[in-house]
N, C-alpha and C. Protein backbone atom coordinates (compact mmCIF):
# COMPACT_ATOMS: atom_id res chain seq x y z
N MET A 1 -4.38 39.67 23.48
CA MET A 1 -5.16 38.56 22.44
C MET A 1 -5.35 36.76 23.65
N ASN A 2 -6.21 36.02 23.70
CA ASN A 2 -6.45 35.25 23.87
C ASN A 2 -6.28 34.11 23.86
N ALA A 3 -5.64 33.08 24.07
CA ALA A 3 -6.08 31.32 23.34
C ALA A 3 -6.91 31.59 22.37
N GLU A 4 -8.59 32.25 22.80
CA GLU A 4 -9.06 31.07 21.63
C GLU A 4 -9.71 32.20 20.43
N SER A 5 -8.77 33.11 20.68
CA SER A 5 -8.65 33.70 19.61
C SER A 5 -8.22 32.81 18.07
N LYS A 6 -7.49 31.50 18.44
CA LYS A 6 -5.82 31.77 17.82
C LYS A 6 -6.88 30.58 17.32
N ARG A 7 -7.51 30.47 17.29
CA ARG A 7 -7.83 28.93 17.00
C ARG A 7 -8.74 29.16 15.87
N PRO A 8 -8.47 28.44 15.27
CA PRO A 8 -9.76 28.36 13.93
C PRO A 8 -11.08 28.11 14.09
N SER A 9 -11.84 28.95 13.07
CA SER A 9 -13.33 29.31 12.73
C SER A 9 -13.92 28.30 13.16
N SER A 10 -13.06 26.52 12.59
CA SER A 10 -13.99 25.36 12.70
C SER A 10 -13.57 25.39 14.40
N ALA A 11 -13.17 26.06 15.14
CA ALA A 11 -12.47 24.61 16.32
C ALA A 11 -14.12 24.63 16.97
N HIS A 12 -15.10 25.85 16.69
CA HIS A 12 -15.92 26.14 17.94
C HIS A 12 -17.46 25.40 17.71
N CYS A 13 -17.33 24.01 15.64
CA CYS A 13 -18.51 23.93 15.56
C CYS A 13 -18.85 22.31 16.10
N GLY A 14 -17.33 21.45 16.69
CA GLY A 14 -17.42 20.50 16.62
C GLY A 14 -17.59 19.12 15.90
N THR A 15 -16.91 19.40 14.57
CA THR A 15 -16.79 18.33 13.50
C THR A 15 -14.89 18.86 13.40
N PRO A 16 -14.42 17.97 12.94
CA PRO A 16 -13.18 17.70 12.02
C PRO A 16 -13.11 18.82 10.98
N LEU A 17 -11.88 19.71 11.30
CA LEU A 17 -12.08 20.31 9.92
C LEU A 17 -10.71 19.06 8.46
N MET A 18 -11.43 19.45 7.68
CA MET A 18 -11.23 18.06 6.48
C MET A 18 -11.00 18.74 4.47
N SER A 19 -9.92 18.85 4.72
CA SER A 19 -10.05 19.29 3.20
C SER A 19 -10.34 19.47 1.96
N LYS A 20 -11.00 20.18 0.88
CA LYS A 20 -11.96 20.25 -0.16
C LYS A 20 -11.12 19.08 -0.67
N ALA A 21 -9.79 18.45 -0.53
CA ALA A 21 -10.13 16.99 -2.07
C ALA A 21 -9.99 16.44 -0.50
N GLN A 22 -10.48 15.64 0.86
CA GLN A 22 -10.28 15.32 1.61
C GLN A 22 -11.65 14.74 1.37
N ARG A 23 -12.95 15.90 1.81
CA ARG A 23 -14.02 15.50 1.63
C ARG A 23 -14.56 14.67 -0.23
N ALA A 24 -13.70 15.33 -1.09
CA ALA A 24 -14.07 15.56 -2.45
C ALA A 24 -13.62 13.52 -2.53
N ALA A 25 -12.77 13.48 -1.96
CA ALA A 25 -12.57 11.97 -1.54
C ALA A 25 -13.29 10.26 -0.83
N GLU A 26 -14.55 11.65 0.26
CA GLU A 26 -15.07 10.34 0.72
C GLU A 26 -16.04 10.46 -0.09
N ALA A 27 -16.74 11.54 -1.14
CA ALA A 27 -17.85 11.56 -1.55
C ALA A 27 -17.52 10.50 -2.78
N ILE A 28 -16.88 11.24 -3.89
CA ILE A 28 -16.42 10.07 -4.03
C ILE A 28 -16.74 8.11 -4.11
N ALA A 29 -15.79 7.65 -2.94
CA ALA A 29 -15.62 6.05 -2.22
C ALA A 29 -17.83 6.31 -1.74
N ALA A 30 -18.14 7.26 -1.16
CA ALA A 30 -19.50 6.62 -1.55
C ALA A 30 -20.23 6.58 -1.30
N ASN A 31 -19.94 7.62 -3.15
CA ASN A 31 -21.04 7.21 -4.66
C ASN A 31 -20.02 7.46 -5.94
N PRO A 32 -19.44 6.59 -6.26
CA PRO A 32 -18.59 6.65 -6.96
C PRO A 32 -19.34 6.20 -8.23
N GLN A 33 -20.47 6.23 -9.62
CA GLN A 33 -21.12 6.32 -10.64
C GLN A 33 -21.56 7.73 -10.17
N MET A 34 -21.48 8.67 -9.08
CA MET A 34 -21.71 10.54 -9.60
C MET A 34 -20.37 10.81 -10.42
N SER A 35 -20.72 11.98 -10.95
CA SER A 35 -19.95 12.54 -12.07
C SER A 35 -19.03 13.13 -11.14
N ASP A 36 -18.47 13.56 -11.75
CA ASP A 36 -17.42 14.57 -11.46
C ASP A 36 -18.27 16.33 -10.72
N ARG A 37 -18.36 16.94 -11.64
CA ARG A 37 -20.11 17.76 -11.45
C ARG A 37 -20.64 17.27 -10.26
N ALA A 38 -21.35 16.61 -10.68
CA ALA A 38 -22.28 16.57 -9.56
C ALA A 38 -21.89 16.29 -7.76
N ILE A 39 -21.23 15.69 -8.15
CA ILE A 39 -19.88 15.20 -6.42
C ILE A 39 -19.42 16.59 -6.33
N ALA A 40 -18.68 17.79 -7.01
CA ALA A 40 -19.04 19.12 -6.99
C ALA A 40 -19.73 20.35 -6.71
N ALA A 41 -21.34 19.56 -7.04
CA ALA A 41 -21.99 20.14 -7.77
C ALA A 41 -22.79 20.79 -5.40
N GLU A 42 -22.48 19.42 -5.15
CA GLU A 42 -23.21 18.83 -4.26
C GLU A 42 -22.20 19.42 -3.00
N LEU A 43 -21.53 19.60 -2.53
CA LEU A 43 -19.79 20.05 -2.32
C LEU A 43 -19.70 21.18 -2.30
N GLY A 44 -20.15 22.31 -3.24
CA GLY A 44 -19.67 22.37 -3.46
C GLY A 44 -17.67 23.95 -3.43
N VAL A 45 -17.39 22.36 -4.47
CA VAL A 45 -15.88 22.52 -4.20
C VAL A 45 -15.87 22.47 -6.15
N ALA A 46 -14.75 22.63 -6.47
CA ALA A 46 -14.13 23.10 -8.17
C ALA A 46 -14.82 21.57 -8.91
N LYS A 47 -14.67 21.13 -10.50
CA LYS A 47 -15.62 20.24 -10.69
C LYS A 47 -13.28 19.20 -10.33
N ASN A 48 -12.64 20.41 -10.92
CA ASN A 48 -11.02 20.45 -10.49
C ASN A 48 -10.77 19.35 -9.70
N THR A 49 -11.15 20.14 -8.26
CA THR A 49 -11.29 19.18 -6.82
C THR A 49 -11.75 17.94 -6.95
N VAL A 50 -12.00 17.89 -7.76
CA VAL A 50 -12.74 15.91 -7.28
C VAL A 50 -12.27 15.25 -8.62
N ARG A 51 -12.13 15.46 -9.30
CA ARG A 51 -11.19 15.04 -11.66
C ARG A 51 -9.73 14.60 -10.70
N ASN A 52 -8.73 15.19 -9.41
CA ASN A 52 -7.52 15.16 -8.75
C ASN A 52 -7.99 14.25 -7.62
N ALA A 53 -8.80 14.49 -6.72
CA ALA A 53 -8.97 13.43 -5.49
C ALA A 53 -9.98 11.74 -7.04
N ARG A 54 -10.31 12.18 -7.63
CA ARG A 54 -11.38 10.90 -8.46
C ARG A 54 -9.41 10.04 -8.35
N ASN A 55 -8.96 10.80 -9.40
CA ASN A 55 -7.43 10.05 -9.74
C ASN A 55 -6.85 9.65 -8.71
N GLU A 56 -6.07 10.01 -8.07
CA GLU A 56 -5.55 10.19 -7.05
C GLU A 56 -6.12 8.58 -6.15
N LEU A 57 -7.73 8.28 -6.43
CA LEU A 57 -7.50 6.60 -6.05
C LEU A 57 -7.97 5.77 -6.90
N VAL A 58 -8.04 6.12 -8.26
CA VAL A 58 -7.83 5.31 -9.48
C VAL A 58 -6.24 4.73 -9.49
N ASN A 59 -5.72 5.49 -9.05
CA ASN A 59 -4.44 5.31 -9.21
C ASN A 59 -3.86 4.10 -8.52
N ALA A 60 -4.40 4.97 -7.58
CA ALA A 60 -3.61 3.95 -6.48
C ALA A 60 -4.10 2.90 -6.37
N ASP A 61 -5.08 2.38 -6.57
CA ASP A 61 -6.10 0.90 -7.36
C ASP A 61 -6.72 1.15 -6.03
N GLN A 62 -7.98 2.01 -6.06
CA GLN A 62 -8.61 1.64 -4.71
C GLN A 62 -10.19 2.55 -5.57
N LEU A 63 -10.08 2.35 -6.85
CA LEU A 63 -10.99 2.37 -7.23
C LEU A 63 -11.17 2.20 -9.03
N ASP A 64 -12.32 1.67 -9.24
CA ASP A 64 -12.57 1.57 -10.81
C ASP A 64 -13.09 2.52 -11.45
N ASP A 65 -12.65 2.86 -12.65
CA ASP A 65 -12.19 4.13 -13.29
C ASP A 65 -13.74 3.92 -14.36
N ASP A 66 -13.76 2.38 -14.53
CA ASP A 66 -14.59 2.49 -16.57
C ASP A 66 -15.87 2.20 -15.94
N GLN A 67 -16.29 2.75 -15.27
CA GLN A 67 -17.89 2.58 -14.97
C GLN A 67 -18.97 3.32 -15.41
N PRO A 68 -19.55 3.11 -15.63
CA PRO A 68 -21.08 4.57 -16.18
C PRO A 68 -20.56 5.82 -15.17
N ARG A 69 -21.37 6.68 -15.03
CA ARG A 69 -21.34 7.20 -14.13
C ARG A 69 -22.67 8.75 -14.16
N VAL A 70 -23.63 8.63 -13.72
CA VAL A 70 -24.59 9.69 -13.35
C VAL A 70 -24.39 10.98 -13.17
N GLY A 71 -25.17 11.94 -13.77
CA GLY A 71 -24.72 14.11 -13.82
C GLY A 71 -25.24 13.66 -13.45
N LEU A 72 -25.21 15.14 -13.61
CA LEU A 72 -25.76 16.12 -13.14
C LEU A 72 -27.25 16.74 -13.31
N ASP A 73 -27.59 15.92 -14.66
CA ASP A 73 -29.13 15.39 -15.33
C ASP A 73 -29.70 14.37 -14.35
N GLY A 74 -28.81 13.44 -13.81
CA GLY A 74 -29.85 12.48 -13.62
C GLY A 74 -29.54 10.73 -14.79
N LYS A 75 -28.98 11.09 -15.98
CA LYS A 75 -28.80 10.79 -17.13
C LYS A 75 -27.50 9.20 -16.93
N GLN A 76 -27.70 8.38 -16.67
CA GLN A 76 -26.03 7.03 -17.00
C GLN A 76 -25.17 6.89 -18.17
N ARG A 77 -24.84 8.08 -18.38
CA ARG A 77 -23.67 7.72 -19.63
C ARG A 77 -21.94 6.76 -19.21
N LYS A 78 -21.69 6.16 -20.41
CA LYS A 78 -20.16 5.97 -20.14
C LYS A 78 -19.33 6.43 -20.27
N MET A 79 -18.26 6.00 -19.57
CA MET A 79 -16.85 6.60 -20.14
C MET A 79 -16.41 6.98 -21.29
N PRO A 80 -16.05 7.81 -21.37
CA PRO A 80 -15.32 7.96 -22.98
C PRO A 80 -13.55 6.23 -23.02
N ALA A 81 -14.29 6.32 -24.33
CA ALA A 81 -12.87 5.46 -25.10
C ALA A 81 -11.55 6.32 -24.04
N HIS A 82 -11.21 6.58 -24.44
CA HIS A 82 -9.91 7.73 -24.52
C HIS A 82 -9.72 8.21 -22.48
N ARG A 83 -10.57 7.52 -22.52
CA ARG A 83 -10.80 7.86 -20.53
C ARG A 83 -10.40 6.26 -19.83
N ARG A 84 -11.24 5.26 -20.27
CA ARG A 84 -11.45 4.53 -20.08
C ARG A 84 -9.86 3.63 -19.89
N GLY A 85 -9.04 4.05 -21.42
CA GLY A 85 -7.88 3.43 -22.26
C GLY A 85 -6.64 4.66 -21.02
N ALA A 86 -6.26 5.74 -20.05
CA ALA A 86 -6.33 5.87 -19.76
C ALA A 86 -6.05 5.17 -17.19
N ALA A 87 -7.51 4.49 -18.34
CA ALA A 87 -8.06 4.15 -16.14
C ALA A 87 -6.54 2.95 -16.41
N GLN A 88 -6.50 1.75 -17.47
CA GLN A 88 -6.03 0.77 -17.22
C GLN A 88 -5.24 0.30 -16.90
């Protein structure tokens, strides 16, 4: 077995390997108004991965969570009151 066969497959494409959570956090930071489901569909990850990444950003005070979000259908919706209260 040579040294090249031990490398992960992503080592050959020239882009750094990022976890799904890191990709989700970057997408949220770039488009915080997008819903978790819309970001998940765009990235090809689970909506819970995006939700967890958003919660981490909110808890670290890097993101304001009480803004309206744009869903998969393109409509803008306010956050439910129970979510707004949890973010404060």
